[in-house]
Amino acid sequence: MTISSRIKHLEDEHARLDKKIDGLESTGAFQDELLNKLKKQRLHIRDDIVKLKAELEFRASKQNG
């Protein structure tokens, strides 16, 4: 899997978690423990996306310079 395709996969997963979290919060029918777990997953995914984008930029700058 290329870095770009991994980023896309993670962005899709992040969006899916966003919708799930928003849905749970809007209904008010959720357990705090579950919501916290989902939010942590979303945060870890966002961190991974940021790291991969930085790696992609580094590789691009290395090729151009």
PDB file of N, CA and C in Angstrom:
ATOM      1  N   MET A   1       0.851  -1.173   0.000  1.00  0.00           N
ATOM      2  CA  MET A   1       0.000   0.000   0.000  1.00  0.00           C
ATOM      3  C   MET A   1       0.901   1.244   0.000  1.00  0.00           C
ATOM      4  N   THR A   2       0.630   2.153  -0.899  1.00  0.00           N
ATOM      5  CA  THR A   2       1.421   3.379  -0.957  1.00  0.00           C
ATOM      6  C   THR A   2       1.016   4.313   0.188  1.00  0.00           C
ATOM      7  N   ILE A   3       1.862   5.286   0.440  1.00  0.00           N
ATOM      8  CA  ILE A   3       1.563   6.250   1.501  1.00  0.00           C
ATOM      9  C   ILE A   3       0.267   6.999   1.176  1.00  0.00           C
ATOM     10  N   SER A   4       0.115   7.391  -0.074  1.00  0.00           N
ATOM     11  CA  SER A   4      -1.090   8.128  -0.465  1.00  0.00           C
ATOM     12  C   SER A   4      -2.350   7.305  -0.263  1.00  0.00           C
ATOM     13  N   SER A   5      -2.296   6.029  -0.621  1.00  0.00           N
ATOM     14  CA  SER A   5      -3.483   5.186  -0.448  1.00  0.00           C
ATOM     15  C   SER A   5      -3.749   4.923   1.037  1.00  0.00           C
ATOM     16  N   ARG A   6      -2.693   4.834   1.832  1.00  0.00           N
ATOM     17  CA  ARG A   6      -2.869   4.660   3.279  1.00  0.00           C
ATOM     18  C   ARG A   6      -3.511   5.901   3.890  1.00  0.00           C
ATOM     19  N   ILE A   7      -3.078   7.075   3.439  1.00  0.00           N
ATOM     20  CA  ILE A   7      -3.678   8.328   3.915  1.00  0.00           C
ATOM     21  C   ILE A   7      -5.163   8.359   3.572  1.00  0.00           C
ATOM     22  N   LYS A   8      -5.495   7.998   2.347  1.00  0.00           N
ATOM     23  CA  LYS A   8      -6.899   7.993   1.914  1.00  0.00           C
ATOM     24  C   LYS A   8      -7.715   7.031   2.773  1.00  0.00           C
ATOM     25  N   HIS A   9      -7.176   5.845   3.019  1.00  0.00           N
ATOM     26  CA  HIS A   9      -7.864   4.862   3.850  1.00  0.00           C
ATOM     27  C   HIS A   9      -8.109   5.413   5.262  1.00  0.00           C
ATOM     28  N   LEU A  10      -7.088   6.029   5.837  1.00  0.00           N
ATOM     29  CA  LEU A  10      -7.222   6.590   7.179  1.00  0.00           C
ATOM     30  C   LEU A  10      -8.201   7.763   7.209  1.00  0.00           C
ATOM     31  N   GLU A  11      -8.194   8.587   6.170  1.00  0.00           N
ATOM     32  CA  GLU A  11      -9.149   9.704   6.108  1.00  0.00           C
ATOM     33  C   GLU A  11     -10.583   9.186   6.030  1.00  0.00           C
ATOM     34  N   ASP A  12     -10.792   8.111   5.280  1.00  0.00           N
ATOM     35  CA  ASP A  12     -12.124   7.503   5.202  1.00  0.00           C
ATOM     36  C   ASP A  12     -12.550   6.954   6.570  1.00  0.00           C
ATOM     37  N   GLU A  13     -11.622   6.305   7.245  1.00  0.00           N
ATOM     38  CA  GLU A  13     -11.905   5.755   8.569  1.00  0.00           C
ATOM     39  C   GLU A  13     -12.190   6.874   9.569  1.00  0.00           C
ATOM     40  N   HIS A  14     -11.448   7.965   9.469  1.00  0.00           N
ATOM     41  CA  HIS A  14     -11.654   9.128  10.344  1.00  0.00           C
ATOM     42  C   HIS A  14     -13.047   9.709  10.119  1.00  0.00           C
ATOM     43  N   ALA A  15     -13.444   9.831   8.860  1.00  0.00           N
ATOM     44  CA  ALA A  15     -14.774  10.368   8.539  1.00  0.00           C
ATOM     45  C   ALA A  15     -15.874   9.436   9.073  1.00  0.00           C
ATOM     46  N   ARG A  16     -15.652   8.127   8.965  1.00  0.00           N
ATOM     47  CA  ARG A  16     -16.626   7.159   9.465  1.00  0.00           C
ATOM     48  C   ARG A  16     -16.781   7.303  10.980  1.00  0.00           C
ATOM     49  N   LEU A  17     -15.669   7.449  11.675  1.00  0.00           N
ATOM     50  CA  LEU A  17     -15.727   7.634  13.124  1.00  0.00           C
ATOM     51  C   LEU A  17     -16.386   8.960  13.491  1.00  0.00           C
ATOM     52  N   ASP A  18     -16.117  10.013  12.713  1.00  0.00           N
ATOM     53  CA  ASP A  18     -16.769  11.309  12.939  1.00  0.00           C
ATOM     54  C   ASP A  18     -18.283  11.158  12.910  1.00  0.00           C
ATOM     55  N   LYS A  19     -18.773  10.489  11.881  1.00  0.00           N
ATOM     56  CA  LYS A  19     -20.222  10.305  11.742  1.00  0.00           C
ATOM     57  C   LYS A  19     -20.787   9.486  12.895  1.00  0.00           C
ATOM     58  N   LYS A  20     -20.078   8.445  13.283  1.00  0.00           N
ATOM     59  CA  LYS A  20     -20.539   7.593  14.372  1.00  0.00           C
ATOM     60  C   LYS A  20     -20.586   8.372  15.686  1.00  0.00           C
ATOM     61  N   ILE A  21     -19.521   9.135  15.955  1.00  0.00           N
ATOM     62  CA  ILE A  21     -19.461   9.935  17.183  1.00  0.00           C
ATOM     63  C   ILE A  21     -20.546  11.002  17.180  1.00  0.00           C
ATOM     64  N   ASP A  22     -20.709  11.699  16.056  1.00  0.00           N
ATOM     65  CA  ASP A  22     -21.745  12.728  15.958  1.00  0.00           C
ATOM     66  C   ASP A  22     -23.131  12.136  16.181  1.00  0.00           C
ATOM     67  N   GLY A  23     -23.354  10.954  15.596  1.00  0.00           N
ATOM     68  CA  GLY A  23     -24.645  10.297  15.771  1.00  0.00           C
ATOM     69  C   GLY A  23     -24.912   9.930  17.219  1.00  0.00           C
ATOM     70  N   LEU A  24     -23.909   9.403  17.884  1.00  0.00           N
ATOM     71  CA  LEU A  24     -24.071   9.042  19.296  1.00  0.00           C
ATOM     72  C   LEU A  24     -24.317  10.281  20.158  1.00  0.00           C
ATOM     73  N   GLU A  25     -23.549  11.338  19.893  1.00  0.00           N
ATOM     74  CA  GLU A  25     -23.701  12.563  20.686  1.00  0.00           C
ATOM     75  C   GLU A  25     -25.051  13.222  20.448  1.00  0.00           C
ATOM     76  N   SER A  26     -25.546  13.160  19.232  1.00  0.00           N
ATOM     77  CA  SER A  26     -26.811  13.828  18.931  1.00  0.00           C
ATOM     78  C   SER A  26     -28.002  13.103  19.561  1.00  0.00           C
ATOM     79  N   THR A  27     -27.922  11.792  19.702  1.00  0.00           N
ATOM     80  CA  THR A  27     -29.026  11.052  20.316  1.00  0.00           C
ATOM     81  C   THR A  27     -28.966  11.089  21.829  1.00  0.00           C
ATOM     82  N   GLY A  28     -27.778  11.271  22.362  1.00  0.00           N
ATOM     83  CA  GLY A  28     -27.617  11.259  23.809  1.00  0.00           C
ATOM     84  C   GLY A  28     -27.639   9.852  24.379  1.00  0.00           C
ATOM     85  N   ALA A  29     -27.820   8.870  23.495  1.00  0.00           N
ATOM     86  CA  ALA A  29     -27.887   7.469  23.928  1.00  0.00           C
ATOM     87  C   ALA A  29     -26.530   6.810  23.721  1.00  0.00           C
ATOM     88  N   PHE A  30     -25.627   7.051  24.647  1.00  0.00           N
ATOM     89  CA  PHE A  30     -24.300   6.469  24.526  1.00  0.00           C
ATOM     90  C   PHE A  30     -23.695   6.292  25.911  1.00  0.00           C
ATOM     91  N   GLN A  31     -22.727   5.429  25.973  1.00  0.00           N
ATOM     92  CA  GLN A  31     -21.970   5.251  27.212  1.00  0.00           C
ATOM     93  C   GLN A  31     -20.707   6.096  27.085  1.00  0.00           C
ATOM     94  N   ASP A  32     -20.379   6.802  28.147  1.00  0.00           N
ATOM     95  CA  ASP A  32     -19.188   7.656  28.127  1.00  0.00           C
ATOM     96  C   ASP A  32     -17.942   6.866  27.749  1.00  0.00           C
ATOM     97  N   GLU A  33     -17.850   5.644  28.246  1.00  0.00           N
ATOM     98  CA  GLU A  33     -16.685   4.812  27.972  1.00  0.00           C
ATOM     99  C   GLU A  33     -16.548   4.520  26.472  1.00  0.00           C
ATOM    100  N   LEU A  34     -17.661   4.188  25.840  1.00  0.00           N
ATOM    101  CA  LEU A  34     -17.651   3.919  24.395  1.00  0.00           C
ATOM    102  C   LEU A  34     -17.289   5.174  23.613  1.00  0.00           C
ATOM    103  N   LEU A  35     -17.897   6.283  23.977  1.00  0.00           N
ATOM    104  CA  LEU A  35     -17.630   7.537  23.273  1.00  0.00           C
ATOM    105  C   LEU A  35     -16.163   7.933  23.418  1.00  0.00           C
ATOM    106  N   ASN A  36     -15.608   7.797  24.599  1.00  0.00           N
ATOM    107  CA  ASN A  36     -14.191   8.119  24.817  1.00  0.00           C
ATOM    108  C   ASN A  36     -13.289   7.206  23.997  1.00  0.00           C
ATOM    109  N   LYS A  37     -13.642   5.933  23.914  1.00  0.00           N
ATOM    110  CA  LYS A  37     -12.862   4.982  23.115  1.00  0.00           C
ATOM    111  C   LYS A  37     -12.868   5.390  21.639  1.00  0.00           C
ATOM    112  N   LEU A  38     -14.032   5.746  21.123  1.00  0.00           N
ATOM    113  CA  LEU A  38     -14.136   6.150  19.718  1.00  0.00           C
ATOM    114  C   LEU A  38     -13.363   7.439  19.453  1.00  0.00           C
ATOM    115  N   LYS A  39     -13.429   8.368  20.385  1.00  0.00           N
ATOM    116  CA  LYS A  39     -12.709   9.632  20.221  1.00  0.00           C
ATOM    117  C   LYS A  39     -11.193   9.417  20.244  1.00  0.00           C
ATOM    118  N   LYS A  40     -10.733   8.486  21.085  1.00  0.00           N
ATOM    119  CA  LYS A  40      -9.304   8.171  21.114  1.00  0.00           C
ATOM    120  C   LYS A  40      -8.866   7.527  19.803  1.00  0.00           C
ATOM    121  N   GLN A  41      -9.698   6.628  19.277  1.00  0.00           N
ATOM    122  CA  GLN A  41      -9.384   6.003  17.987  1.00  0.00           C
ATOM    123  C   GLN A  41      -9.270   7.072  16.904  1.00  0.00           C
ATOM    124  N   ARG A  42     -10.229   7.999  16.909  1.00  0.00           N
ATOM    125  CA  ARG A  42     -10.232   9.068  15.912  1.00  0.00           C
ATOM    126  C   ARG A  42      -8.979   9.922  16.034  1.00  0.00           C
ATOM    127  N   LEU A  43      -8.570  10.217  17.257  1.00  0.00           N
ATOM    128  CA  LEU A  43      -7.367  11.015  17.486  1.00  0.00           C
ATOM    129  C   LEU A  43      -6.115  10.286  16.997  1.00  0.00           C
ATOM    130  N   HIS A  44      -6.023   8.996  17.276  1.00  0.00           N
ATOM    131  CA  HIS A  44      -4.874   8.213  16.812  1.00  0.00           C
ATOM    132  C   HIS A  44      -4.820   8.179  15.282  1.00  0.00           C
ATOM    133  N   ILE A  45      -5.969   8.057  14.666  1.00  0.00           N
ATOM    134  CA  ILE A  45      -6.022   8.055  13.203  1.00  0.00           C
ATOM    135  C   ILE A  45      -5.557   9.402  12.667  1.00  0.00           C
ATOM    136  N   ARG A  46      -6.019  10.491  13.277  1.00  0.00           N
ATOM    137  CA  ARG A  46      -5.614  11.835  12.847  1.00  0.00           C
ATOM    138  C   ARG A  46      -4.094  11.993  12.997  1.00  0.00           C
ATOM    139  N   ASP A  47      -3.546  11.501  14.096  1.00  0.00           N
ATOM    140  CA  ASP A  47      -2.087  11.560  14.306  1.00  0.00           C
ATOM    141  C   ASP A  47      -1.348  10.791  13.206  1.00  0.00           C
ATOM    142  N   ASP A  48      -1.863   9.616  12.866  1.00  0.00           N
ATOM    143  CA  ASP A  48      -1.240   8.810  11.807  1.00  0.00           C
ATOM    144  C   ASP A  48      -1.294   9.536  10.458  1.00  0.00           C
ATOM    145  N   ILE A  49      -2.416  10.191  10.190  1.00  0.00           N
ATOM    146  CA  ILE A  49      -2.557  10.935   8.937  1.00  0.00           C
ATOM    147  C   ILE A  49      -1.522  12.056   8.868  1.00  0.00           C
ATOM    148  N   VAL A  50      -1.377  12.797   9.949  1.00  0.00           N
ATOM    149  CA  VAL A  50      -0.417  13.900  10.001  1.00  0.00           C
ATOM    150  C   VAL A  50       1.005  13.386   9.777  1.00  0.00           C
ATOM    151  N   LYS A  51       1.348  12.277  10.425  1.00  0.00           N
ATOM    152  CA  LYS A  51       2.694  11.700  10.271  1.00  0.00           C
ATOM    153  C   LYS A  51       2.939  11.248   8.833  1.00  0.00           C
ATOM    154  N   LEU A  52       1.954  10.587   8.240  1.00  0.00           N
ATOM    155  CA  LEU A  52       2.119  10.104   6.870  1.00  0.00           C
ATOM    156  C   LEU A  52       2.216  11.257   5.871  1.00  0.00           C
ATOM    157  N   LYS A  53       1.435  12.309   6.086  1.00  0.00           N
ATOM    158  CA  LYS A  53       1.522  13.474   5.200  1.00  0.00           C
ATOM    159  C   LYS A  53       2.896  14.137   5.321  1.00  0.00           C
ATOM    160  N   ALA A  54       3.436  14.187   6.526  1.00  0.00           N
ATOM    161  CA  ALA A  54       4.779  14.750   6.720  1.00  0.00           C
ATOM    162  C   ALA A  54       5.814  13.889   6.006  1.00  0.00           C
ATOM    163  N   GLU A  55       5.671  12.579   6.090  1.00  0.00           N
ATOM    164  CA  GLU A  55       6.581  11.662   5.397  1.00  0.00           C
ATOM    165  C   GLU A  55       6.495  11.853   3.888  1.00  0.00           C
ATOM    166  N   LEU A  56       5.290  12.014   3.395  1.00  0.00           N
ATOM    167  CA  LEU A  56       5.089  12.227   1.960  1.00  0.00           C
ATOM    168  C   LEU A  56       5.745  13.533   1.511  1.00  0.00           C
ATOM    169  N   GLU A  57       5.574  14.591   2.295  1.00  0.00           N
ATOM    170  CA  GLU A  57       6.204  15.876   1.978  1.00  0.00           C
ATOM    171  C   GLU A  57       7.725  15.773   2.033  1.00  0.00           C
ATOM    172  N   PHE A  58       8.242  15.054   3.012  1.00  0.00           N
ATOM    173  CA  PHE A  58       9.684  14.876   3.138  1.00  0.00           C
ATOM    174  C   PHE A  58      10.245  14.156   1.913  1.00  0.00           C
ATOM    175  N   ARG A  59       9.583  13.096   1.513  1.00  0.00           N
ATOM    176  CA  ARG A  59      10.043  12.349   0.339  1.00  0.00           C
ATOM    177  C   ARG A  59       9.986  13.193  -0.938  1.00  0.00           C
ATOM    178  N   ALA A  60       8.940  14.005  -1.047  1.00  0.00           N
ATOM    179  CA  ALA A  60       8.809  14.867  -2.219  1.00  0.00           C
ATOM    180  C   ALA A  60       9.914  15.927  -2.240  1.00  0.00           C
ATOM    181  N   SER A  61      10.201  16.508  -1.072  1.00  0.00           N
ATOM    182  CA  SER A  61      11.246  17.537  -1.023  1.00  0.00           C
ATOM    183  C   SER A  61      12.623  16.925  -1.258  1.00  0.00           C
ATOM    184  N   LYS A  62      12.809  15.697  -0.831  1.00  0.00           N
ATOM    185  CA  LYS A  62      14.074  15.002  -1.024  1.00  0.00           C
ATOM    186  C   LYS A  62      14.312  14.730  -2.514  1.00  0.00           C
ATOM    187  N   GLN A  63      13.248  14.402  -3.241  1.00  0.00           N
ATOM    188  CA  GLN A  63      13.355  14.138  -4.676  1.00  0.00           C
ATOM    189  C   GLN A  63      13.579  15.430  -5.454  1.00  0.00           C
ATOM    190  N   ASN A  64      13.020  16.522  -4.966  1.00  0.00           N
ATOM    191  CA  ASN A  64      13.126  17.803  -5.682  1.00  0.00           C
ATOM    192  C   ASN A  64      14.359  18.598  -5.296  1.00  0.00           C
ATOM    193  N   GLY A  65      15.042  18.208  -4.289  1.00  0.00           N
ATOM    194  CA  GLY A  65      16.141  19.049  -3.842  1.00  0.00           C
ATOM    195  C   GLY A  65      17.316  18.277  -3.483  1.00  0.00           C
TER     196      GLY A  65
END
